[in-house]
Amino acid sequence: MNSRASFSNMKDSTREDWQLIGQEFGPYTKGLPDRIMAHLKILEGDYGGFPVDRYTHSLQTATRALKDGRDEEYVVCALLHDIGDTLGSFNHPDIAAAILKPFVSEANLWMVQNHGIFQGYYFFHHLGMDREMREQFAGHAFYDYTAEFCDLYDAPAFDKHAATLPLTEFEPMLRRVFEKPRRSIYSAAMPVRQTA
């Protein structure tokens, strides 16, 4: 960024300042997929006691979803569902959901946002917690959808011998999913400019 806004307090900002900021917004948002992949790679080597590191778990979850014929958006959600582990140790689904929210369907967003509670069905009882915690959502439109995600893709993705595709396999679809937000308070004022 060569030009910068002139204000030191946002209360004093001008239309010209925001036009300048808006011109930078498009190019900056184009780098979002690269920043997401760089953050995902932070999970590499982070085992936390699990049989595979968190990066491999993420890749393996996405690999399982892809091989099962799920669409690109679903696969990207599978890839990123645990990206929040490093910054949200106590609420990692919230981090992943916040990243994905502008770009994915309500069903996929809800699945990512709540997968931690649904995944708990398989282990909460070992920690003295209620494994049926997910039942608070019984009857919800995306209950079965989220339970299926955990059962088919998230829970079995700790197998150090399972096929695990590299991140490069998922990069093109990740870029497509993050190409243009479906909903954002900034969409109308600062449209994302895409180039071929």
C-alpha atoms as a PDB file:
ATOM      1  CA  MET A   1       0.000   0.000   0.000  1.00  0.00           C
ATOM      2  CA  ASN A   2       1.554   3.272  -1.127  1.00  0.00           C
ATOM      3  CA  SER A   3      -1.183   5.779  -0.257  1.00  0.00           C
ATOM      4  CA  ARG A   4      -2.707   5.983   3.167  1.00  0.00           C
ATOM      5  CA  ALA A   5      -5.714   7.625   4.718  1.00  0.00           C
ATOM      6  CA  SER A   6      -5.107  10.929   6.487  1.00  0.00           C
ATOM      7  CA  PHE A   7      -7.059  10.454   9.734  1.00  0.00           C
ATOM      8  CA  SER A   8      -5.695   9.605  13.161  1.00  0.00           C
ATOM      9  CA  ASN A   9      -9.184   9.168  14.608  1.00  0.00           C
ATOM     10  CA  MET A  10     -11.864   7.378  12.584  1.00  0.00           C
ATOM     11  CA  LYS A  11     -14.335  10.094  13.630  1.00  0.00           C
ATOM     12  CA  ASP A  12     -12.338  12.492  11.457  1.00  0.00           C
ATOM     13  CA  SER A  13     -12.209  10.265   8.370  1.00  0.00           C
ATOM     14  CA  THR A  14     -13.402  11.557   5.003  1.00  0.00           C
ATOM     15  CA  ARG A  15     -15.044  10.073   1.906  1.00  0.00           C
ATOM     16  CA  GLU A  16     -11.665  10.349   0.173  1.00  0.00           C
ATOM     17  CA  ASP A  17     -10.031   8.324   2.959  1.00  0.00           C
ATOM     18  CA  TRP A  18     -12.594   5.575   2.517  1.00  0.00           C
ATOM     19  CA  GLN A  19     -12.285   5.592  -1.253  1.00  0.00           C
ATOM     20  CA  LEU A  20      -8.563   5.014  -0.822  1.00  0.00           C
ATOM     21  CA  ILE A  21      -9.184   2.239   1.709  1.00  0.00           C
ATOM     22  CA  GLY A  22     -11.785   0.733  -0.597  1.00  0.00           C
ATOM     23  CA  GLN A  23      -9.254   0.599  -3.445  1.00  0.00           C
ATOM     24  CA  GLU A  24      -6.976  -1.490  -1.246  1.00  0.00           C
ATOM     25  CA  PHE A  25      -9.755  -3.786  -0.041  1.00  0.00           C
ATOM     26  CA  GLY A  26     -10.165  -5.765  -3.269  1.00  0.00           C
ATOM     27  CA  PRO A  27      -6.498  -6.705  -3.699  1.00  0.00           C
ATOM     28  CA  TYR A  28      -6.221  -7.485   0.020  1.00  0.00           C
ATOM     29  CA  THR A  29      -9.188  -9.854  -0.018  1.00  0.00           C
ATOM     30  CA  LYS A  30      -7.690 -11.753  -2.945  1.00  0.00           C
ATOM     31  CA  GLY A  31      -4.918 -12.864  -0.568  1.00  0.00           C
ATOM     32  CA  LEU A  32      -7.382 -14.424   1.887  1.00  0.00           C
ATOM     33  CA  PRO A  33      -6.980 -17.998   0.564  1.00  0.00           C
ATOM     34  CA  ASP A  34      -3.194 -17.729   0.946  1.00  0.00           C
ATOM     35  CA  ARG A  35      -3.511 -16.463   4.515  1.00  0.00           C
ATOM     36  CA  ILE A  36      -5.964 -19.262   5.344  1.00  0.00           C
ATOM     37  CA  MET A  37      -3.646 -21.946   3.931  1.00  0.00           C
ATOM     38  CA  ALA A  38      -0.665 -20.473   5.797  1.00  0.00           C
ATOM     39  CA  HIS A  39      -2.637 -20.610   9.034  1.00  0.00           C
ATOM     40  CA  LEU A  40      -3.808 -24.154   8.345  1.00  0.00           C
ATOM     41  CA  LYS A  41      -0.160 -25.210   7.971  1.00  0.00           C
ATOM     42  CA  ILE A  42       0.485 -24.012  11.536  1.00  0.00           C
ATOM     43  CA  LEU A  43      -1.358 -27.175  12.607  1.00  0.00           C
ATOM     44  CA  GLU A  44       1.393 -29.327  11.085  1.00  0.00           C
ATOM     45  CA  GLY A  45       3.371 -31.114  13.802  1.00  0.00           C
ATOM     46  CA  ASP A  46       0.793 -30.195  16.453  1.00  0.00           C
ATOM     47  CA  TYR A  47      -0.322 -33.568  17.788  1.00  0.00           C
ATOM     48  CA  GLY A  48      -1.795 -32.606  21.143  1.00  0.00           C
ATOM     49  CA  GLY A  49      -1.647 -36.303  22.031  1.00  0.00           C
ATOM     50  CA  PHE A  50      -3.703 -37.385  19.002  1.00  0.00           C
ATOM     51  CA  PRO A  51      -2.544 -40.226  16.694  1.00  0.00           C
ATOM     52  CA  VAL A  52      -1.987 -37.751  13.817  1.00  0.00           C
ATOM     53  CA  ASP A  53      -1.195 -34.051  13.884  1.00  0.00           C
ATOM     54  CA  ARG A  54      -4.014 -31.550  13.483  1.00  0.00           C
ATOM     55  CA  TYR A  55      -2.902 -30.690   9.936  1.00  0.00           C
ATOM     56  CA  THR A  56      -3.097 -34.334   8.837  1.00  0.00           C
ATOM     57  CA  HIS A  57      -6.472 -34.645  10.553  1.00  0.00           C
ATOM     58  CA  SER A  58      -7.743 -31.636   8.581  1.00  0.00           C
ATOM     59  CA  LEU A  59      -6.416 -32.994   5.281  1.00  0.00           C
ATOM     60  CA  GLN A  60      -7.748 -36.463   6.034  1.00  0.00           C
ATOM     61  CA  THR A  61     -11.219 -35.157   6.895  1.00  0.00           C
ATOM     62  CA  ALA A  62     -11.304 -33.268   3.581  1.00  0.00           C
ATOM     63  CA  THR A  63      -9.900 -36.281   1.702  1.00  0.00           C
ATOM     64  CA  ARG A  64     -12.681 -38.494   3.038  1.00  0.00           C
ATOM     65  CA  ALA A  65     -15.343 -35.950   2.072  1.00  0.00           C
ATOM     66  CA  LEU A  66     -13.872 -35.476  -1.413  1.00  0.00           C
ATOM     67  CA  LYS A  67     -13.591 -39.200  -2.094  1.00  0.00           C
ATOM     68  CA  ASP A  68     -17.204 -39.566  -0.970  1.00  0.00           C
ATOM     69  CA  GLY A  69     -18.327 -37.130  -3.675  1.00  0.00           C
ATOM     70  CA  ARG A  70     -19.157 -34.116  -1.520  1.00  0.00           C
ATOM     71  CA  ASP A  71     -19.266 -30.736  -3.260  1.00  0.00           C
ATOM     72  CA  GLU A  72     -16.397 -28.269  -3.080  1.00  0.00           C
ATOM     73  CA  GLU A  73     -17.915 -26.071  -0.401  1.00  0.00           C
ATOM     74  CA  TYR A  74     -18.484 -29.067   1.873  1.00  0.00           C
ATOM     75  CA  VAL A  75     -14.923 -30.316   1.270  1.00  0.00           C
ATOM     76  CA  VAL A  76     -13.482 -26.893   2.109  1.00  0.00           C
ATOM     77  CA  CYS A  77     -15.538 -26.858   5.317  1.00  0.00           C
ATOM     78  CA  ALA A  78     -14.132 -30.299   6.132  1.00  0.00           C
ATOM     79  CA  LEU A  79     -10.629 -28.991   5.465  1.00  0.00           C
ATOM     80  CA  LEU A  80     -11.022 -25.932   7.689  1.00  0.00           C
ATOM     81  CA  HIS A  81     -13.284 -27.251  10.446  1.00  0.00           C
ATOM     82  CA  ASP A  82     -10.424 -27.344  13.007  1.00  0.00           C
ATOM     83  CA  ILE A  83      -8.385 -24.364  11.775  1.00  0.00           C
ATOM     84  CA  GLY A  84      -9.267 -22.565  14.995  1.00  0.00           C
ATOM     85  CA  ASP A  85      -7.425 -25.048  17.227  1.00  0.00           C
ATOM     86  CA  THR A  86      -4.407 -22.773  17.647  1.00  0.00           C
ATOM     87  CA  LEU A  87      -6.248 -19.566  18.564  1.00  0.00           C
ATOM     88  CA  GLY A  88      -9.493 -20.940  19.984  1.00  0.00           C
ATOM     89  CA  SER A  89      -8.364 -23.783  22.205  1.00  0.00           C
ATOM     90  CA  PHE A  90     -11.651 -23.639  24.106  1.00  0.00           C
ATOM     91  CA  ASN A  91     -13.918 -22.705  21.164  1.00  0.00           C
ATOM     92  CA  HIS A  92     -12.216 -23.774  17.947  1.00  0.00           C
ATOM     93  CA  PRO A  93     -15.478 -24.298  15.987  1.00  0.00           C
ATOM     94  CA  ASP A  94     -16.307 -20.605  16.478  1.00  0.00           C
ATOM     95  CA  ILE A  95     -13.051 -19.567  14.789  1.00  0.00           C
ATOM     96  CA  ALA A  96     -13.601 -21.817  11.775  1.00  0.00           C
ATOM     97  CA  ALA A  97     -17.213 -20.695  11.481  1.00  0.00           C
ATOM     98  CA  ALA A  98     -16.229 -17.017  11.598  1.00  0.00           C
ATOM     99  CA  ILE A  99     -13.784 -17.534   8.718  1.00  0.00           C
ATOM    100  CA  LEU A 100     -16.292 -19.475   6.629  1.00  0.00           C
ATOM    101  CA  LYS A 101     -19.464 -17.504   7.440  1.00  0.00           C
ATOM    102  CA  PRO A 102     -19.413 -15.029   4.520  1.00  0.00           C
ATOM    103  CA  PHE A 103     -18.730 -17.773   1.978  1.00  0.00           C
ATOM    104  CA  VAL A 104     -20.779 -20.889   2.761  1.00  0.00           C
ATOM    105  CA  SER A 105     -24.376 -22.065   3.023  1.00  0.00           C
ATOM    106  CA  GLU A 106     -26.337 -21.983   6.268  1.00  0.00           C
ATOM    107  CA  ALA A 107     -26.156 -25.795   6.478  1.00  0.00           C
ATOM    108  CA  ASN A 108     -22.381 -25.917   6.151  1.00  0.00           C
ATOM    109  CA  LEU A 109     -21.900 -22.980   8.502  1.00  0.00           C
ATOM    110  CA  TRP A 110     -24.082 -24.614  11.158  1.00  0.00           C
ATOM    111  CA  MET A 111     -22.236 -27.899  10.708  1.00  0.00           C
ATOM    112  CA  VAL A 112     -18.844 -26.290  11.275  1.00  0.00           C
ATOM    113  CA  GLN A 113     -20.107 -24.104  14.124  1.00  0.00           C
ATOM    114  CA  ASN A 114     -21.523 -27.097  16.020  1.00  0.00           C
ATOM    115  CA  HIS A 115     -19.262 -29.978  15.047  1.00  0.00           C
ATOM    116  CA  GLY A 116     -17.412 -29.816  18.381  1.00  0.00           C
ATOM    117  CA  ILE A 117     -20.553 -30.675  20.341  1.00  0.00           C
ATOM    118  CA  PHE A 118     -21.532 -33.394  17.850  1.00  0.00           C
ATOM    119  CA  GLN A 119     -18.009 -34.862  17.818  1.00  0.00           C
ATOM    120  CA  GLY A 120     -18.253 -35.017  21.610  1.00  0.00           C
ATOM    121  CA  TYR A 121     -20.679 -37.922  21.242  1.00  0.00           C
ATOM    122  CA  TYR A 122     -17.631 -40.133  20.673  1.00  0.00           C
ATOM    123  CA  PHE A 123     -15.554 -39.042  23.666  1.00  0.00           C
ATOM    124  CA  PHE A 124     -17.263 -36.684  26.133  1.00  0.00           C
ATOM    125  CA  HIS A 125     -18.215 -39.608  28.412  1.00  0.00           C
ATOM    126  CA  HIS A 126     -14.501 -40.426  28.796  1.00  0.00           C
ATOM    127  CA  LEU A 127     -14.001 -36.949  30.260  1.00  0.00           C
ATOM    128  CA  GLY A 128     -16.976 -37.048  32.611  1.00  0.00           C
ATOM    129  CA  MET A 129     -19.029 -34.899  30.223  1.00  0.00           C
ATOM    130  CA  ASP A 130     -22.423 -35.544  28.694  1.00  0.00           C
ATOM    131  CA  ARG A 131     -21.936 -37.346  25.389  1.00  0.00           C
ATOM    132  CA  GLU A 132     -25.556 -36.563  24.539  1.00  0.00           C
ATOM    133  CA  MET A 133     -24.921 -32.803  24.631  1.00  0.00           C
ATOM    134  CA  ARG A 134     -25.824 -32.673  20.952  1.00  0.00           C
ATOM    135  CA  GLU A 135     -29.395 -33.599  21.862  1.00  0.00           C
ATOM    136  CA  GLN A 136     -30.018 -29.966  22.752  1.00  0.00           C
ATOM    137  CA  PHE A 137     -30.280 -29.577  18.966  1.00  0.00           C
ATOM    138  CA  ALA A 138     -32.666 -32.507  18.408  1.00  0.00           C
ATOM    139  CA  GLY A 139     -35.118 -31.608  15.691  1.00  0.00           C
ATOM    140  CA  HIS A 140     -32.899 -28.897  14.209  1.00  0.00           C
ATOM    141  CA  ALA A 141     -32.857 -28.860  10.404  1.00  0.00           C
ATOM    142  CA  PHE A 142     -29.088 -29.516  10.311  1.00  0.00           C
ATOM    143  CA  TYR A 143     -28.846 -32.026  13.176  1.00  0.00           C
ATOM    144  CA  ASP A 144     -28.544 -35.123  10.963  1.00  0.00           C
ATOM    145  CA  TYR A 145     -26.299 -33.267   8.512  1.00  0.00           C
ATOM    146  CA  THR A 146     -23.820 -32.420  11.282  1.00  0.00           C
ATOM    147  CA  ALA A 147     -24.009 -35.852  12.931  1.00  0.00           C
ATOM    148  CA  GLU A 148     -23.239 -37.414   9.546  1.00  0.00           C
ATOM    149  CA  PHE A 149     -20.222 -35.104   9.046  1.00  0.00           C
ATOM    150  CA  CYS A 150     -18.754 -36.228  12.350  1.00  0.00           C
ATOM    151  CA  ASP A 151     -19.567 -39.902  11.787  1.00  0.00           C
ATOM    152  CA  LEU A 152     -18.271 -40.206   8.220  1.00  0.00           C
ATOM    153  CA  TYR A 153     -15.464 -37.662   8.010  1.00  0.00           C
ATOM    154  CA  ASP A 154     -14.349 -36.039  11.274  1.00  0.00           C
ATOM    155  CA  ALA A 155     -14.324 -38.962  13.746  1.00  0.00           C
ATOM    156  CA  PRO A 156     -12.463 -41.485  11.526  1.00  0.00           C
ATOM    157  CA  ALA A 157      -9.831 -38.969  10.331  1.00  0.00           C
ATOM    158  CA  PHE A 158      -7.178 -39.909  12.877  1.00  0.00           C
ATOM    159  CA  ASP A 159      -5.787 -42.889  10.963  1.00  0.00           C
ATOM    160  CA  LYS A 160      -2.041 -42.548  10.321  1.00  0.00           C
ATOM    161  CA  HIS A 161      -2.333 -45.160   7.557  1.00  0.00           C
ATOM    162  CA  ALA A 162      -5.311 -43.644   5.721  1.00  0.00           C
ATOM    163  CA  ALA A 163      -5.086 -41.942   2.356  1.00  0.00           C
ATOM    164  CA  THR A 164      -4.460 -38.254   2.899  1.00  0.00           C
ATOM    165  CA  LEU A 165      -4.316 -35.882  -0.049  1.00  0.00           C
ATOM    166  CA  PRO A 166      -1.930 -32.909   0.100  1.00  0.00           C
ATOM    167  CA  LEU A 167      -3.139 -29.340   0.525  1.00  0.00           C
ATOM    168  CA  THR A 168      -2.357 -28.635  -3.140  1.00  0.00           C
ATOM    169  CA  GLU A 169      -5.249 -30.929  -4.045  1.00  0.00           C
ATOM    170  CA  PHE A 170      -7.672 -28.686  -2.153  1.00  0.00           C
ATOM    171  CA  GLU A 171      -6.163 -25.309  -3.015  1.00  0.00           C
ATOM    172  CA  PRO A 172      -8.151 -24.667  -6.238  1.00  0.00           C
ATOM    173  CA  MET A 173     -11.491 -25.396  -4.564  1.00  0.00           C
ATOM    174  CA  LEU A 174     -10.545 -23.320  -1.510  1.00  0.00           C
ATOM    175  CA  ARG A 175      -9.781 -20.403  -3.836  1.00  0.00           C
ATOM    176  CA  ARG A 176     -13.133 -20.811  -5.578  1.00  0.00           C
ATOM    177  CA  VAL A 177     -15.102 -20.960  -2.321  1.00  0.00           C
ATOM    178  CA  PHE A 178     -13.369 -17.819  -1.002  1.00  0.00           C
ATOM    179  CA  GLU A 179     -13.604 -15.957  -4.292  1.00  0.00           C
ATOM    180  CA  LYS A 180     -16.711 -13.948  -3.470  1.00  0.00           C
ATOM    181  CA  PRO A 181     -18.659 -13.635  -0.231  1.00  0.00           C
ATOM    182  CA  ARG A 182     -22.360 -14.446  -0.210  1.00  0.00           C
ATOM    183  CA  ARG A 183     -22.982 -12.146   2.715  1.00  0.00           C
ATOM    184  CA  SER A 184     -20.948  -9.405   4.347  1.00  0.00           C
ATOM    185  CA  ILE A 185     -21.822  -6.000   5.714  1.00  0.00           C
ATOM    186  CA  TYR A 186     -19.086  -4.605   3.444  1.00  0.00           C
ATOM    187  CA  SER A 187     -20.123  -6.254   0.151  1.00  0.00           C
ATOM    188  CA  ALA A 188     -22.144  -3.355  -1.244  1.00  0.00           C
ATOM    189  CA  ALA A 189     -19.703  -0.621  -0.260  1.00  0.00           C
ATOM    190  CA  MET A 190     -16.476  -2.412  -1.134  1.00  0.00           C
ATOM    191  CA  PRO A 191     -17.138  -5.039  -3.799  1.00  0.00           C
ATOM    192  CA  VAL A 192     -14.456  -7.646  -4.231  1.00  0.00           C
ATOM    193  CA  ARG A 193     -12.758  -7.149  -7.559  1.00  0.00           C
ATOM    194  CA  GLN A 194     -11.728 -10.411  -9.142  1.00  0.00           C
ATOM    195  CA  THR A 195      -9.356 -10.836 -12.043  1.00  0.00           C
ATOM    196  CA  ALA A 196      -9.165 -13.823 -14.334  1.00  0.00           C
END
